[in-house]
N, C-alpha and C. Protein backbone atom coordinates (compact mmCIF):
# COMPACT_ATOMS: atom_id res chain seq x y z
N MET A 1 8.22 24.15 18.03
CA MET A 1 7.32 23.36 17.21
C MET A 1 8.10 22.79 16.02
N LYS A 2 7.84 21.55 15.70
CA LYS A 2 8.53 20.87 14.62
C LYS A 2 7.99 21.33 13.27
N LYS A 3 8.90 21.60 12.34
CA LYS A 3 8.49 22.02 11.00
C LYS A 3 8.05 20.80 10.19
N LEU A 4 7.07 21.01 9.32
CA LEU A 4 6.59 19.94 8.46
C LEU A 4 7.46 19.83 7.22
N SER A 5 7.71 18.61 6.80
CA SER A 5 8.48 18.39 5.59
C SER A 5 7.58 18.59 4.37
N GLY A 6 8.18 18.59 3.21
CA GLY A 6 7.41 18.71 1.98
C GLY A 6 6.44 17.55 1.81
N LEU A 7 6.86 16.35 2.20
CA LEU A 7 5.99 15.18 2.12
C LEU A 7 4.80 15.32 3.07
N ASP A 8 5.04 15.86 4.26
CA ASP A 8 3.96 16.09 5.21
C ASP A 8 2.92 17.05 4.62
N TRP A 9 3.39 18.15 4.04
CA TRP A 9 2.48 19.13 3.44
C TRP A 9 1.70 18.53 2.28
N LEU A 10 2.39 17.76 1.42
CA LEU A 10 1.71 17.13 0.29
C LEU A 10 0.63 16.17 0.77
N ALA A 11 0.94 15.38 1.78
CA ALA A 11 -0.04 14.44 2.32
C ALA A 11 -1.23 15.18 2.92
N LEU A 12 -0.98 16.26 3.64
CA LEU A 12 -2.08 17.04 4.22
C LEU A 12 -2.96 17.66 3.14
N ILE A 13 -2.36 18.18 2.09
CA ILE A 13 -3.13 18.77 0.99
C ILE A 13 -3.99 17.70 0.31
N LEU A 14 -3.40 16.53 0.07
CA LEU A 14 -4.17 15.45 -0.56
C LEU A 14 -5.31 14.98 0.34
N ILE A 15 -5.09 14.95 1.65
CA ILE A 15 -6.15 14.56 2.59
C ILE A 15 -7.29 15.59 2.54
N ILE A 16 -6.94 16.86 2.46
CA ILE A 16 -7.96 17.91 2.38
C ILE A 16 -8.76 17.78 1.08
N ILE A 17 -8.06 17.54 -0.03
CA ILE A 17 -8.76 17.34 -1.31
C ILE A 17 -9.70 16.14 -1.21
N GLY A 18 -9.22 15.05 -0.61
CA GLY A 18 -10.06 13.87 -0.46
C GLY A 18 -11.27 14.14 0.43
N GLY A 19 -11.06 14.90 1.51
CA GLY A 19 -12.17 15.24 2.40
C GLY A 19 -13.22 16.09 1.71
N ILE A 20 -12.77 17.08 0.95
CA ILE A 20 -13.71 17.91 0.20
C ILE A 20 -14.47 17.08 -0.82
N ASN A 21 -13.75 16.19 -1.52
CA ASN A 21 -14.40 15.35 -2.52
C ASN A 21 -15.46 14.45 -1.87
N TRP A 22 -15.12 13.82 -0.73
CA TRP A 22 -16.09 12.96 -0.05
C TRP A 22 -17.28 13.76 0.47
N GLY A 23 -17.03 14.99 0.91
CA GLY A 23 -18.13 15.85 1.34
C GLY A 23 -19.08 16.16 0.19
N LEU A 24 -18.52 16.44 -0.98
CA LEU A 24 -19.35 16.70 -2.17
C LEU A 24 -20.13 15.45 -2.58
N VAL A 25 -19.49 14.30 -2.48
CA VAL A 25 -20.18 13.04 -2.81
C VAL A 25 -21.33 12.81 -1.84
N GLY A 26 -21.08 13.01 -0.56
CA GLY A 26 -22.12 12.78 0.45
C GLY A 26 -23.27 13.77 0.37
N LEU A 27 -22.95 15.04 0.15
CA LEU A 27 -23.99 16.06 0.14
C LEU A 27 -24.74 16.17 -1.18
N PHE A 28 -24.01 16.07 -2.28
CA PHE A 28 -24.60 16.37 -3.59
C PHE A 28 -24.48 15.25 -4.61
N ASN A 29 -23.92 14.10 -4.19
CA ASN A 29 -23.69 12.98 -5.10
C ASN A 29 -22.86 13.45 -6.31
N PHE A 30 -21.86 14.28 -6.05
CA PHE A 30 -21.01 14.85 -7.09
C PHE A 30 -19.56 14.53 -6.78
N ASP A 31 -18.93 13.77 -7.66
CA ASP A 31 -17.53 13.39 -7.50
C ASP A 31 -16.67 14.36 -8.31
N LEU A 32 -16.04 15.30 -7.64
CA LEU A 32 -15.26 16.34 -8.29
C LEU A 32 -14.08 15.76 -9.07
N ILE A 33 -13.40 14.79 -8.50
CA ILE A 33 -12.25 14.18 -9.18
C ILE A 33 -12.69 13.51 -10.48
N ALA A 34 -13.78 12.78 -10.44
CA ALA A 34 -14.30 12.13 -11.65
C ALA A 34 -14.76 13.17 -12.66
N ALA A 35 -15.34 14.28 -12.19
CA ALA A 35 -15.81 15.32 -13.10
C ALA A 35 -14.63 15.99 -13.82
N ILE A 36 -13.53 16.16 -13.12
CA ILE A 36 -12.37 16.83 -13.73
C ILE A 36 -11.55 15.88 -14.60
N PHE A 37 -11.28 14.69 -14.08
CA PHE A 37 -10.34 13.79 -14.75
C PHE A 37 -10.98 12.60 -15.45
N GLY A 38 -12.27 12.43 -15.34
CA GLY A 38 -12.96 11.30 -15.98
C GLY A 38 -13.29 10.23 -14.97
N ASP A 39 -14.41 9.57 -15.21
CA ASP A 39 -14.89 8.54 -14.29
C ASP A 39 -13.98 7.32 -14.38
N MET A 40 -13.21 7.11 -13.32
CA MET A 40 -12.27 5.99 -13.18
C MET A 40 -11.25 5.93 -14.32
N SER A 41 -10.85 7.11 -14.79
CA SER A 41 -9.74 7.17 -15.75
C SER A 41 -8.46 6.83 -15.01
N ALA A 42 -7.40 6.64 -15.76
CA ALA A 42 -6.12 6.31 -15.13
C ALA A 42 -5.68 7.42 -14.18
N LEU A 43 -5.86 8.68 -14.60
CA LEU A 43 -5.44 9.80 -13.76
C LEU A 43 -6.28 9.91 -12.49
N SER A 44 -7.59 9.71 -12.61
CA SER A 44 -8.43 9.77 -11.40
C SER A 44 -8.10 8.63 -10.44
N ARG A 45 -7.79 7.47 -10.96
CA ARG A 45 -7.41 6.34 -10.10
C ARG A 45 -6.10 6.62 -9.38
N ILE A 46 -5.17 7.28 -10.08
CA ILE A 46 -3.91 7.67 -9.44
C ILE A 46 -4.17 8.65 -8.31
N ILE A 47 -5.04 9.62 -8.54
CA ILE A 47 -5.36 10.60 -7.50
C ILE A 47 -6.02 9.92 -6.32
N TYR A 48 -6.99 9.03 -6.57
CA TYR A 48 -7.63 8.31 -5.47
C TYR A 48 -6.60 7.50 -4.68
N THR A 49 -5.67 6.87 -5.38
CA THR A 49 -4.62 6.08 -4.72
C THR A 49 -3.71 6.97 -3.88
N LEU A 50 -3.33 8.13 -4.42
CA LEU A 50 -2.47 9.04 -3.68
C LEU A 50 -3.18 9.58 -2.43
N VAL A 51 -4.47 9.85 -2.54
CA VAL A 51 -5.23 10.32 -1.37
C VAL A 51 -5.27 9.21 -0.32
N GLY A 52 -5.50 7.98 -0.73
CA GLY A 52 -5.52 6.86 0.21
C GLY A 52 -4.17 6.64 0.87
N LEU A 53 -3.10 6.70 0.08
CA LEU A 53 -1.76 6.54 0.65
C LEU A 53 -1.43 7.70 1.60
N SER A 54 -1.92 8.89 1.29
CA SER A 54 -1.71 10.03 2.17
C SER A 54 -2.38 9.81 3.52
N GLY A 55 -3.56 9.20 3.50
CA GLY A 55 -4.24 8.89 4.75
C GLY A 55 -3.45 7.93 5.60
N VAL A 56 -2.89 6.91 4.97
CA VAL A 56 -2.07 5.94 5.69
C VAL A 56 -0.80 6.62 6.22
N TYR A 57 -0.19 7.46 5.40
CA TYR A 57 1.02 8.18 5.82
C TYR A 57 0.73 9.08 7.02
N ILE A 58 -0.34 9.86 6.95
CA ILE A 58 -0.68 10.75 8.05
C ILE A 58 -0.99 9.96 9.32
N LEU A 59 -1.66 8.83 9.16
CA LEU A 59 -1.93 7.98 10.32
C LEU A 59 -0.62 7.51 10.96
N ALA A 60 0.31 7.07 10.13
CA ALA A 60 1.60 6.60 10.64
C ALA A 60 2.44 7.74 11.21
N ALA A 61 2.33 8.94 10.62
CA ALA A 61 3.15 10.07 11.03
C ALA A 61 2.44 10.97 12.05
N SER A 62 1.24 10.61 12.48
CA SER A 62 0.46 11.50 13.34
C SER A 62 1.18 11.80 14.65
N ASN A 63 1.90 10.84 15.18
CA ASN A 63 2.65 11.08 16.41
C ASN A 63 3.70 12.15 16.19
N LYS A 64 4.41 12.08 15.07
CA LYS A 64 5.43 13.07 14.74
C LYS A 64 4.81 14.45 14.51
N LEU A 65 3.66 14.49 13.87
CA LEU A 65 3.03 15.75 13.52
C LEU A 65 2.41 16.46 14.72
N THR A 66 2.09 15.72 15.77
CA THR A 66 1.43 16.34 16.93
C THR A 66 2.42 16.69 18.04
N ARG A 67 3.68 16.25 17.94
CA ARG A 67 4.69 16.57 18.96
C ARG A 67 5.06 18.03 18.88
N LYS A 68 5.37 18.59 20.05
CA LYS A 68 5.84 19.98 20.10
C LYS A 68 7.32 20.03 20.24
């Protein structure tokens, strides 16, 4: 089995954070990122951007991540 790089792990962690945040938004109308870092503050926008880029990265790297 192929080992994951540090970038792969970071992207997966950010995807999980994004998934949890979207679940909270959908279920309870509660945006955890905005609650912690401020509604559309510079830091929250950076986090949203990193989560989005992680999604694109995982999509592009999915073939590599699923190979044995």
